[in-house]
Amino acid sequence: MDRKYLVVIEKAEDGSYSAYVPDLPGCVSSADTVEELKHLIKEAIDMYVQDMIADGEPVPEPTTQWAELTAAV
């Protein structure tokens, strides 16, 4: 079964990027580019889920939602 998890990507002051998955606590990654980061966080998600399955733990359902809002500037 496939599950889609929200991934939050943030740009650091030094120009690098980091990502985390709110529904998978501790599932994080960082990289110099967004493309590299997407690859690494996908690997991190896969490993996180496989470790949970191997440990007999239930894999969390995706519950995080997102909204894009406009601010007047």
C-alpha atoms as a PDB file:
ATOM      1  CA  MET A   1       0.000   0.000   0.000  1.00  0.00           C
ATOM      2  CA  ASP A   2       1.338   3.441  -0.899  1.00  0.00           C
ATOM      3  CA  ARG A   3       0.984   6.404   1.433  1.00  0.00           C
ATOM      4  CA  LYS A   4       1.646  10.040   0.628  1.00  0.00           C
ATOM      5  CA  TYR A   5       3.329  12.037   3.385  1.00  0.00           C
ATOM      6  CA  LEU A   6       3.699  15.796   3.523  1.00  0.00           C
ATOM      7  CA  VAL A   7       7.358  16.853   3.375  1.00  0.00           C
ATOM      8  CA  VAL A   8       8.304  20.331   4.610  1.00  0.00           C
ATOM      9  CA  ILE A   9      11.327  21.829   2.842  1.00  0.00           C
ATOM     10  CA  GLU A  10      13.115  24.807   4.348  1.00  0.00           C
ATOM     11  CA  LYS A  11      15.995  26.898   3.057  1.00  0.00           C
ATOM     12  CA  ALA A  12      18.735  27.623   5.587  1.00  0.00           C
ATOM     13  CA  GLU A  13      20.621  30.902   5.912  1.00  0.00           C
ATOM     14  CA  ASP A  14      23.737  29.258   4.438  1.00  0.00           C
ATOM     15  CA  GLY A  15      21.806  28.354   1.258  1.00  0.00           C
ATOM     16  CA  SER A  16      21.426  24.645   2.004  1.00  0.00           C
ATOM     17  CA  TYR A  17      18.067  22.923   2.428  1.00  0.00           C
ATOM     18  CA  SER A  18      16.502  20.689   5.049  1.00  0.00           C
ATOM     19  CA  ALA A  19      13.336  18.622   5.073  1.00  0.00           C
ATOM     20  CA  TYR A  20      11.199  16.863   7.645  1.00  0.00           C
ATOM     21  CA  VAL A  21       8.055  14.753   7.641  1.00  0.00           C
ATOM     22  CA  PRO A  22       5.590  15.865  10.348  1.00  0.00           C
ATOM     23  CA  ASP A  23       3.802  12.497  10.402  1.00  0.00           C
ATOM     24  CA  LEU A  24       7.088  10.593  10.895  1.00  0.00           C
ATOM     25  CA  PRO A  25       8.836  12.171  13.917  1.00  0.00           C
ATOM     26  CA  GLY A  26      12.587  12.275  13.476  1.00  0.00           C
ATOM     27  CA  CYS A  27      12.458  11.631   9.733  1.00  0.00           C
ATOM     28  CA  VAL A  28      14.708  14.418   8.447  1.00  0.00           C
ATOM     29  CA  SER A  29      17.330  15.109   5.807  1.00  0.00           C
ATOM     30  CA  SER A  30      19.457  17.946   4.461  1.00  0.00           C
ATOM     31  CA  ALA A  31      21.288  18.719   1.218  1.00  0.00           C
ATOM     32  CA  ASP A  32      22.816  21.486  -0.864  1.00  0.00           C
ATOM     33  CA  THR A  33      20.042  21.466  -3.507  1.00  0.00           C
ATOM     34  CA  VAL A  34      16.302  20.849  -3.494  1.00  0.00           C
ATOM     35  CA  GLU A  35      16.621  18.058  -6.060  1.00  0.00           C
ATOM     36  CA  GLU A  36      19.211  16.221  -3.954  1.00  0.00           C
ATOM     37  CA  LEU A  37      17.085  16.821  -0.856  1.00  0.00           C
ATOM     38  CA  LYS A  38      14.000  15.290  -2.472  1.00  0.00           C
ATOM     39  CA  HIS A  39      15.979  12.154  -3.276  1.00  0.00           C
ATOM     40  CA  LEU A  40      17.435  11.924   0.244  1.00  0.00           C
ATOM     41  CA  ILE A  41      14.160  12.533   2.104  1.00  0.00           C
ATOM     42  CA  LYS A  42      12.458   9.875  -0.045  1.00  0.00           C
ATOM     43  CA  GLU A  43      15.171   7.423   1.002  1.00  0.00           C
ATOM     44  CA  ALA A  44      14.740   8.521   4.638  1.00  0.00           C
ATOM     45  CA  ILE A  45      10.970   7.926   4.462  1.00  0.00           C
ATOM     46  CA  ASP A  46      11.451   4.492   2.914  1.00  0.00           C
ATOM     47  CA  MET A  47      13.994   3.486   5.588  1.00  0.00           C
ATOM     48  CA  TYR A  48      11.838   4.900   8.391  1.00  0.00           C
ATOM     49  CA  VAL A  49       8.787   2.930   7.257  1.00  0.00           C
ATOM     50  CA  GLN A  50      10.760  -0.278   6.642  1.00  0.00           C
ATOM     51  CA  ASP A  51      12.301  -0.038  10.129  1.00  0.00           C
ATOM     52  CA  MET A  52       8.829   0.336  11.666  1.00  0.00           C
ATOM     53  CA  ILE A  53       7.575  -2.693   9.752  1.00  0.00           C
ATOM     54  CA  ALA A  54      10.645  -4.743  10.767  1.00  0.00           C
ATOM     55  CA  ASP A  55      10.061  -3.779  14.413  1.00  0.00           C
ATOM     56  CA  GLY A  56       6.391  -4.794  14.200  1.00  0.00           C
ATOM     57  CA  GLU A  57       5.209  -1.228  14.779  1.00  0.00           C
ATOM     58  CA  PRO A  58       2.207   0.250  12.963  1.00  0.00           C
ATOM     59  CA  VAL A  59       3.123   2.675  10.192  1.00  0.00           C
ATOM     60  CA  PRO A  60       1.482   6.074  10.876  1.00  0.00           C
ATOM     61  CA  GLU A  61      -1.293   7.180   8.578  1.00  0.00           C
ATOM     62  CA  PRO A  62      -0.613  10.512   6.876  1.00  0.00           C
ATOM     63  CA  THR A  63      -2.634  13.139   8.744  1.00  0.00           C
ATOM     64  CA  THR A  64      -0.794  16.413   8.144  1.00  0.00           C
ATOM     65  CA  GLN A  65      -2.629  18.832   5.876  1.00  0.00           C
ATOM     66  CA  TRP A  66      -1.380  21.914   4.110  1.00  0.00           C
ATOM     67  CA  ALA A  67      -2.832  25.126   2.784  1.00  0.00           C
ATOM     68  CA  GLU A  68      -1.326  27.826   0.641  1.00  0.00           C
ATOM     69  CA  LEU A  69      -2.402  31.291   1.731  1.00  0.00           C
ATOM     70  CA  THR A  70      -1.669  34.733   0.373  1.00  0.00           C
ATOM     71  CA  ALA A  71      -0.436  37.570   2.578  1.00  0.00           C
ATOM     72  CA  ALA A  72      -0.708  41.212   1.625  1.00  0.00           C
ATOM     73  CA  VAL A  73       2.739  42.790   1.510  1.00  0.00           C
END
